[in-house]
Amino acid sequence: MICTEDIFELLFIEANPIPVKWMLEQMTKINSGIRLPLISLDSQYHDAIKNEMIKLKLL
C-alpha cells in the first residue's frame, strides 16, 4: 500500500502553490518559470520531494 501522507505534507512545506508548481515542472506537465510574488522552491526541499515522487511513481 502506498502512503500519500508524506506527499501531502511536502506539498505545503512552503507557501502554496510553490511546491505544487515545482512538482508539475519536474513531471514536465508545465514549463518552468514563475511570476512574482512567487519564488522558486528552496533547493533544500528538492531531494525530499523528488524522493517521495519517485516512491509514488510520479517520476
Protein backbone atom coordinates (compact mmCIF):
# COMPACT_ATOMS: atom_id res chain seq x y z
CA MET A 1 0.00 0.00 0.00
CA ILE A 2 1.31 3.43 -0.91
CA CYS A 3 1.12 6.08 1.80
CA THR A 4 0.43 9.52 0.44
CA GLU A 5 0.59 11.31 3.79
CA ASP A 6 4.21 12.35 3.23
CA ILE A 7 3.49 13.92 -0.15
CA PHE A 8 0.64 15.94 1.33
CA GLU A 9 2.96 17.33 3.99
CA LEU A 10 5.57 18.16 1.35
CA LEU A 11 3.01 19.98 -0.77
CA PHE A 12 2.75 22.55 2.00
CA ILE A 13 6.40 22.73 3.03
CA GLU A 14 6.44 26.24 1.53
CA ALA A 15 3.66 28.60 0.57
CA ASN A 16 1.16 27.04 -1.79
CA PRO A 17 1.41 26.75 -4.85
CA ILE A 18 5.23 26.82 -4.92
CA PRO A 19 5.80 23.08 -4.20
CA VAL A 20 2.92 22.04 -6.48
CA LYS A 21 4.28 24.07 -9.39
CA TRP A 22 7.77 22.65 -8.80
CA MET A 23 6.41 19.10 -8.82
CA LEU A 24 4.45 19.69 -12.03
CA GLU A 25 7.58 21.12 -13.64
CA GLN A 26 9.54 18.00 -12.63
CA MET A 27 6.82 15.86 -14.20
CA THR A 28 7.07 18.00 -17.39
CA LYS A 29 3.40 18.94 -17.05
CA ILE A 30 4.19 22.69 -17.05
CA ASN A 31 7.06 24.87 -18.21
CA SER A 32 9.44 26.40 -15.71
CA GLY A 33 9.07 29.98 -14.69
CA ILE A 34 7.01 31.75 -12.10
CA ARG A 35 5.97 35.34 -11.60
CA LEU A 36 6.37 37.47 -8.54
CA PRO A 37 5.27 37.41 -5.78
CA LEU A 38 6.00 33.65 -6.00
CA ILE A 39 9.58 32.49 -5.69
CA SER A 40 11.27 29.22 -6.60
CA LEU A 41 11.10 26.27 -4.25
CA ASP A 42 14.03 26.34 -1.84
CA SER A 43 16.63 23.84 -3.02
CA GLN A 44 16.84 22.26 0.44
CA TYR A 45 13.45 20.63 -0.25
CA HIS A 46 14.19 19.30 -3.75
CA ASP A 47 15.57 15.91 -2.70
CA ALA A 48 12.81 15.16 -0.19
CA ILE A 49 10.06 15.96 -2.67
CA LYS A 50 11.76 14.20 -5.56
CA ASN A 51 12.31 11.06 -3.45
CA GLU A 52 8.66 11.00 -2.45
CA MET A 53 7.59 11.49 -6.07
CA ILE A 54 9.75 8.53 -7.08
CA LYS A 55 8.19 6.37 -4.32
CA LEU A 56 4.76 7.27 -5.68
CA LYS A 57 5.90 6.60 -9.26
CA LEU A 58 5.24 10.17 -10.31
CA LEU A 59 8.73 10.35 -11.82
